[in-house]
């Protein structure tokens, strides 16, 4: 299965257009150039890193049949 990720600081339209053409599924929103709000999922650098790694790792696990 293919996944796509959107960076929270970028316009997602191009990524979504490519995903629609390839059949990729959403993997989540990654924080790359900005942190989330204080009560969000990535308010510090360490929490941003953990958030992104969790989403990426989940996408790499093959689906169980």
PDB file of N, CA and C in Angstrom:
ATOM      1  N   UNK A   1       0.836  -1.170   0.000  1.00  0.00           N
ATOM      2  CA  UNK A   1       0.000   0.000   0.000  1.00  0.00           C
ATOM      3  C   UNK A   1       0.887   1.242   0.000  1.00  0.00           C
ATOM      4  N   UNK A   2       0.480   2.233  -0.726  1.00  0.00           N
ATOM      5  CA  UNK A   2       1.214   3.496  -0.808  1.00  0.00           C
ATOM      6  C   UNK A   2       0.555   4.524   0.101  1.00  0.00           C
ATOM      7  N   UNK A   3       1.378   5.300   0.766  1.00  0.00           N
ATOM      8  CA  UNK A   3       0.882   6.364   1.632  1.00  0.00           C
ATOM      9  C   UNK A   3       1.491   7.691   1.201  1.00  0.00           C
ATOM     10  N   UNK A   4       0.767   8.749   1.451  1.00  0.00           N
ATOM     11  CA  UNK A   4       1.319  10.081   1.258  1.00  0.00           C
ATOM     12  C   UNK A   4       1.202  10.842   2.563  1.00  0.00           C
ATOM     13  N   UNK A   5       2.101  11.791   2.729  1.00  0.00           N
ATOM     14  CA  UNK A   5       2.131  12.614   3.925  1.00  0.00           C
ATOM     15  C   UNK A   5       2.111  14.074   3.511  1.00  0.00           C
ATOM     16  N   UNK A   6       1.437  14.865   4.272  1.00  0.00           N
ATOM     17  CA  UNK A   6       1.364  16.301   4.012  1.00  0.00           C
ATOM     18  C   UNK A   6       2.110  17.014   5.123  1.00  0.00           C
ATOM     19  N   UNK A   7       2.952  17.964   4.741  1.00  0.00           N
ATOM     20  CA  UNK A   7       3.605  18.799   5.739  1.00  0.00           C
ATOM     21  C   UNK A   7       2.648  19.916   6.120  1.00  0.00           C
ATOM     22  N   UNK A   8       2.533  20.179   7.386  1.00  0.00           N
ATOM     23  CA  UNK A   8       1.556  21.147   7.874  1.00  0.00           C
ATOM     24  C   UNK A   8       1.827  22.568   7.402  1.00  0.00           C
ATOM     25  N   UNK A   9       3.050  22.855   6.996  1.00  0.00           N
ATOM     26  CA  UNK A   9       3.381  24.219   6.581  1.00  0.00           C
ATOM     27  C   UNK A   9       3.278  24.434   5.072  1.00  0.00           C
ATOM     28  N   UNK A  10       2.871  23.407   4.323  1.00  0.00           N
ATOM     29  CA  UNK A  10       2.785  23.515   2.865  1.00  0.00           C
ATOM     30  C   UNK A  10       1.354  23.327   2.364  1.00  0.00           C
ATOM     31  N   UNK A  11       1.100  23.809   1.177  1.00  0.00           N
ATOM     32  CA  UNK A  11      -0.198  23.631   0.521  1.00  0.00           C
ATOM     33  C   UNK A  11      -0.338  22.164   0.111  1.00  0.00           C
ATOM     34  N   UNK A  12      -1.358  21.465   0.556  1.00  0.00           N
ATOM     35  CA  UNK A  12      -1.485  20.032   0.295  1.00  0.00           C
ATOM     36  C   UNK A  12      -2.061  19.667  -1.074  1.00  0.00           C
ATOM     37  N   UNK A  13      -2.482  20.619  -1.865  1.00  0.00           N
ATOM     38  CA  UNK A  13      -3.204  20.298  -3.099  1.00  0.00           C
ATOM     39  C   UNK A  13      -2.406  19.460  -4.093  1.00  0.00           C
ATOM     40  N   UNK A  14      -1.141  19.761  -4.318  1.00  0.00           N
ATOM     41  CA  UNK A  14      -0.347  19.000  -5.274  1.00  0.00           C
ATOM     42  C   UNK A  14      -0.145  17.565  -4.791  1.00  0.00           C
ATOM     43  N   UNK A  15       0.166  17.404  -3.517  1.00  0.00           N
ATOM     44  CA  UNK A  15       0.354  16.064  -2.957  1.00  0.00           C
ATOM     45  C   UNK A  15      -0.939  15.264  -3.085  1.00  0.00           C
ATOM     46  N   UNK A  16      -2.071  15.874  -2.811  1.00  0.00           N
ATOM     47  CA  UNK A  16      -3.347  15.172  -2.919  1.00  0.00           C
ATOM     48  C   UNK A  16      -3.666  14.816  -4.365  1.00  0.00           C
ATOM     49  N   UNK A  17      -3.303  15.672  -5.304  1.00  0.00           N
ATOM     50  CA  UNK A  17      -3.524  15.376  -6.719  1.00  0.00           C
ATOM     51  C   UNK A  17      -2.692  14.164  -7.144  1.00  0.00           C
ATOM     52  N   UNK A  18      -1.447  14.120  -6.731  1.00  0.00           N
ATOM     53  CA  UNK A  18      -0.585  12.973  -7.048  1.00  0.00           C
ATOM     54  C   UNK A  18      -1.123  11.715  -6.373  1.00  0.00           C
ATOM     55  N   UNK A  19      -1.562  11.840  -5.131  1.00  0.00           N
ATOM     56  CA  UNK A  19      -2.121  10.692  -4.411  1.00  0.00           C
ATOM     57  C   UNK A  19      -3.347  10.154  -5.118  1.00  0.00           C
ATOM     58  N   UNK A  20      -4.209  11.023  -5.595  1.00  0.00           N
ATOM     59  CA  UNK A  20      -5.400  10.583  -6.313  1.00  0.00           C
ATOM     60  C   UNK A  20      -5.032   9.833  -7.579  1.00  0.00           C
ATOM     61  N   UNK A  21      -3.987  10.274  -8.261  1.00  0.00           N
ATOM     62  CA  UNK A  21      -3.560   9.626  -9.507  1.00  0.00           C
ATOM     63  C   UNK A  21      -2.883   8.284  -9.260  1.00  0.00           C
ATOM     64  N   UNK A  22      -2.281   8.100  -8.088  1.00  0.00           N
ATOM     65  CA  UNK A  22      -1.538   6.870  -7.803  1.00  0.00           C
ATOM     66  C   UNK A  22      -2.278   5.906  -6.898  1.00  0.00           C
ATOM     67  N   UNK A  23      -3.359   6.350  -6.294  1.00  0.00           N
ATOM     68  CA  UNK A  23      -4.095   5.493  -5.370  1.00  0.00           C
ATOM     69  C   UNK A  23      -3.505   5.458  -3.971  1.00  0.00           C
ATOM     70  N   UNK A  24      -2.616   6.376  -3.665  1.00  0.00           N
ATOM     71  CA  UNK A  24      -2.009   6.423  -2.328  1.00  0.00           C
ATOM     72  C   UNK A  24      -3.046   6.829  -1.286  1.00  0.00           C
ATOM     73  N   UNK A  25      -2.830   6.358  -0.077  1.00  0.00           N
ATOM     74  CA  UNK A  25      -3.717   6.648   1.047  1.00  0.00           C
ATOM     75  C   UNK A  25      -3.057   7.669   1.963  1.00  0.00           C
ATOM     76  N   UNK A  26      -3.852   8.472   2.667  1.00  0.00           N
ATOM     77  CA  UNK A  26      -3.248   9.460   3.574  1.00  0.00           C
ATOM     78  C   UNK A  26      -2.541   8.786   4.741  1.00  0.00           C
ATOM     79  N   UNK A  27      -1.320   9.244   5.005  1.00  0.00           N
ATOM     80  CA  UNK A  27      -0.543   8.708   6.117  1.00  0.00           C
ATOM     81  C   UNK A  27      -0.542   9.633   7.308  1.00  0.00           C
ATOM     82  N   UNK A  28      -0.957  10.871   7.096  1.00  0.00           N
ATOM     83  CA  UNK A  28      -1.023  11.825   8.189  1.00  0.00           C
ATOM     84  C   UNK A  28      -0.324  13.124   7.850  1.00  0.00           C
ATOM     85  N   UNK A  29      -0.389  14.038   8.790  1.00  0.00           N
ATOM     86  CA  UNK A  29       0.250  15.339   8.628  1.00  0.00           C
ATOM     87  C   UNK A  29       1.539  15.349   9.432  1.00  0.00           C
ATOM     88  N   UNK A  30       2.616  15.741   8.753  1.00  0.00           N
ATOM     89  CA  UNK A  30       3.912  15.818   9.407  1.00  0.00           C
ATOM     90  C   UNK A  30       4.260  17.274   9.699  1.00  0.00           C
ATOM     91  N   UNK A  31       4.938  17.474  10.796  1.00  0.00           N
ATOM     92  CA  UNK A  31       5.413  18.800  11.164  1.00  0.00           C
ATOM     93  C   UNK A  31       6.888  18.870  10.790  1.00  0.00           C
ATOM     94  N   UNK A  32       7.233  19.759   9.872  1.00  0.00           N
ATOM     95  CA  UNK A  32       8.618  19.845   9.414  1.00  0.00           C
ATOM     96  C   UNK A  32       9.225  21.217   9.688  1.00  0.00           C
ATOM     97  N   UNK A  33       8.523  22.249   9.349  1.00  0.00           N
ATOM     98  CA  UNK A  33       9.079  23.598   9.478  1.00  0.00           C
ATOM     99  C   UNK A  33       8.408  24.408  10.584  1.00  0.00           C
ATOM    100  N   UNK A  34       7.451  23.813  11.263  1.00  0.00           N
ATOM    101  CA  UNK A  34       6.736  24.534  12.316  1.00  0.00           C
ATOM    102  C   UNK A  34       6.206  23.535  13.333  1.00  0.00           C
ATOM    103  N   UNK A  35       6.084  23.978  14.554  1.00  0.00           N
ATOM    104  CA  UNK A  35       5.494  23.157  15.608  1.00  0.00           C
ATOM    105  C   UNK A  35       3.986  23.349  15.594  1.00  0.00           C
ATOM    106  N   UNK A  36       3.285  22.485  16.295  1.00  0.00           N
ATOM    107  CA  UNK A  36       1.833  22.645  16.432  1.00  0.00           C
ATOM    108  C   UNK A  36       1.551  23.688  17.515  1.00  0.00           C
ATOM    109  N   UNK A  37       0.287  23.974  17.715  1.00  0.00           N
ATOM    110  CA  UNK A  37      -0.103  24.842  18.823  1.00  0.00           C
ATOM    111  C   UNK A  37       0.258  24.145  20.136  1.00  0.00           C
ATOM    112  N   UNK A  38       0.265  24.876  21.216  1.00  0.00           N
ATOM    113  CA  UNK A  38       0.727  24.363  22.512  1.00  0.00           C
ATOM    114  C   UNK A  38       0.009  23.084  22.947  1.00  0.00           C
ATOM    115  N   UNK A  39      -1.292  22.978  22.690  1.00  0.00           N
ATOM    116  CA  UNK A  39      -2.031  21.776  23.099  1.00  0.00           C
ATOM    117  C   UNK A  39      -2.219  20.795  21.937  1.00  0.00           C
ATOM    118  N   UNK A  40      -1.447  20.944  20.868  1.00  0.00           N
ATOM    119  CA  UNK A  40      -1.519  20.067  19.705  1.00  0.00           C
ATOM    120  C   UNK A  40      -0.587  18.868  19.829  1.00  0.00           C
ATOM    121  N   UNK A  41      -0.443  18.110  18.754  1.00  0.00           N
ATOM    122  CA  UNK A  41       0.353  16.883  18.806  1.00  0.00           C
ATOM    123  C   UNK A  41       1.866  17.098  18.770  1.00  0.00           C
ATOM    124  N   UNK A  42       2.327  18.310  18.433  1.00  0.00           N
ATOM    125  CA  UNK A  42       3.765  18.536  18.299  1.00  0.00           C
ATOM    126  C   UNK A  42       4.172  19.930  18.785  1.00  0.00           C
ATOM    127  N   UNK A  43       3.967  20.216  20.068  1.00  0.00           N
ATOM    128  CA  UNK A  43       4.272  21.555  20.573  1.00  0.00           C
ATOM    129  C   UNK A  43       5.756  21.799  20.870  1.00  0.00           C
ATOM    130  N   UNK A  44       6.559  20.749  20.940  1.00  0.00           N
ATOM    131  CA  UNK A  44       7.998  20.896  21.157  1.00  0.00           C
ATOM    132  C   UNK A  44       8.739  20.124  20.072  1.00  0.00           C
ATOM    133  N   UNK A  45      10.024  20.403  19.923  1.00  0.00           N
ATOM    134  CA  UNK A  45      10.806  19.699  18.915  1.00  0.00           C
ATOM    135  C   UNK A  45      10.786  18.193  19.164  1.00  0.00           C
ATOM    136  N   UNK A  46      10.980  17.770  20.404  1.00  0.00           N
ATOM    137  CA  UNK A  46      10.991  16.339  20.722  1.00  0.00           C
ATOM    138  C   UNK A  46       9.646  15.687  20.409  1.00  0.00           C
ATOM    139  N   UNK A  47       8.553  16.354  20.743  1.00  0.00           N
ATOM    140  CA  UNK A  47       7.229  15.795  20.460  1.00  0.00           C
ATOM    141  C   UNK A  47       6.935  15.817  18.968  1.00  0.00           C
ATOM    142  N   UNK A  48       7.440  16.813  18.239  1.00  0.00           N
ATOM    143  CA  UNK A  48       7.286  16.861  16.795  1.00  0.00           C
ATOM    144  C   UNK A  48       7.999  15.664  16.168  1.00  0.00           C
ATOM    145  N   UNK A  49       9.200  15.405  16.614  1.00  0.00           N
ATOM    146  CA  UNK A  49       9.980  14.285  16.081  1.00  0.00           C
ATOM    147  C   UNK A  49       9.250  12.971  16.343  1.00  0.00           C
ATOM    148  N   UNK A  50       8.758  12.775  17.557  1.00  0.00           N
ATOM    149  CA  UNK A  50       8.043  11.540  17.917  1.00  0.00           C
ATOM    150  C   UNK A  50       6.773  11.394  17.084  1.00  0.00           C
ATOM    151  N   UNK A  51       6.028  12.479  16.927  1.00  0.00           N
ATOM    152  CA  UNK A  51       4.796  12.472  16.135  1.00  0.00           C
ATOM    153  C   UNK A  51       5.095  12.019  14.706  1.00  0.00           C
ATOM    154  N   UNK A  52       6.099  12.621  14.086  1.00  0.00           N
ATOM    155  CA  UNK A  52       6.433  12.285  12.710  1.00  0.00           C
ATOM    156  C   UNK A  52       6.915  10.840  12.582  1.00  0.00           C
ATOM    157  N   UNK A  53       7.773  10.394  13.486  1.00  0.00           N
ATOM    158  CA  UNK A  53       8.271   9.018  13.448  1.00  0.00           C
ATOM    159  C   UNK A  53       7.129   8.022  13.611  1.00  0.00           C
ATOM    160  N   UNK A  54       6.198   8.298  14.507  1.00  0.00           N
ATOM    161  CA  UNK A  54       5.061   7.395  14.711  1.00  0.00           C
ATOM    162  C   UNK A  54       4.242   7.248  13.432  1.00  0.00           C
ATOM    163  N   UNK A  55       3.958   8.362  12.736  1.00  0.00           N
ATOM    164  CA  UNK A  55       3.184   8.298  11.500  1.00  0.00           C
ATOM    165  C   UNK A  55       3.945   7.558  10.406  1.00  0.00           C
ATOM    166  N   UNK A  56       5.250   7.833  10.270  1.00  0.00           N
ATOM    167  CA  UNK A  56       6.054   7.173   9.242  1.00  0.00           C
ATOM    168  C   UNK A  56       6.195   5.673   9.521  1.00  0.00           C
ATOM    169  N   UNK A  57       6.443   5.315  10.767  1.00  0.00           N
ATOM    170  CA  UNK A  57       6.596   3.905  11.126  1.00  0.00           C
ATOM    171  C   UNK A  57       5.299   3.136  10.892  1.00  0.00           C
ATOM    172  N   UNK A  58       4.180   3.729  11.224  1.00  0.00           N
ATOM    173  CA  UNK A  58       2.886   3.073  11.014  1.00  0.00           C
ATOM    174  C   UNK A  58       2.662   2.780   9.531  1.00  0.00           C
ATOM    175  N   UNK A  59       3.083   3.678   8.659  1.00  0.00           N
ATOM    176  CA  UNK A  59       2.908   3.486   7.221  1.00  0.00           C
ATOM    177  C   UNK A  59       3.822   2.403   6.668  1.00  0.00           C
ATOM    178  N   UNK A  60       4.916   2.098   7.357  1.00  0.00           N
ATOM    179  CA  UNK A  60       5.875   1.097   6.877  1.00  0.00           C
ATOM    180  C   UNK A  60       5.517  -0.323   7.280  1.00  0.00           C
ATOM    181  N   UNK A  61       4.593  -0.480   8.191  1.00  0.00           N
ATOM    182  CA  UNK A  61       4.206  -1.813   8.641  1.00  0.00           C
ATOM    183  C   UNK A  61       3.263  -2.419   7.602  1.00  0.00           C
ATOM    184  N   UNK A  62       3.623  -3.594   7.078  1.00  0.00           N
ATOM    185  CA  UNK A  62       2.719  -4.195   6.091  1.00  0.00           C
ATOM    186  C   UNK A  62       1.390  -4.584   6.726  1.00  0.00           C
ATOM    187  N   UNK A  63       0.304  -4.438   5.954  1.00  0.00           N
ATOM    188  CA  UNK A  63      -1.007  -4.804   6.516  1.00  0.00           C
ATOM    189  C   UNK A  63      -1.067  -6.309   6.797  1.00  0.00           C
ATOM    190  N   UNK A  64      -1.713  -6.668   7.880  1.00  0.00           N
ATOM    191  CA  UNK A  64      -1.871  -8.090   8.211  1.00  0.00           C
ATOM    192  C   UNK A  64      -3.075  -8.642   7.475  1.00  0.00           C
ATOM    193  N   UNK A  65      -2.914  -9.816   6.943  1.00  0.00           N
ATOM    194  CA  UNK A  65      -4.019 -10.461   6.201  1.00  0.00           C
ATOM    195  C   UNK A  65      -4.564 -11.628   6.958  1.00  0.00           C
TER     196      UNK A  65
END
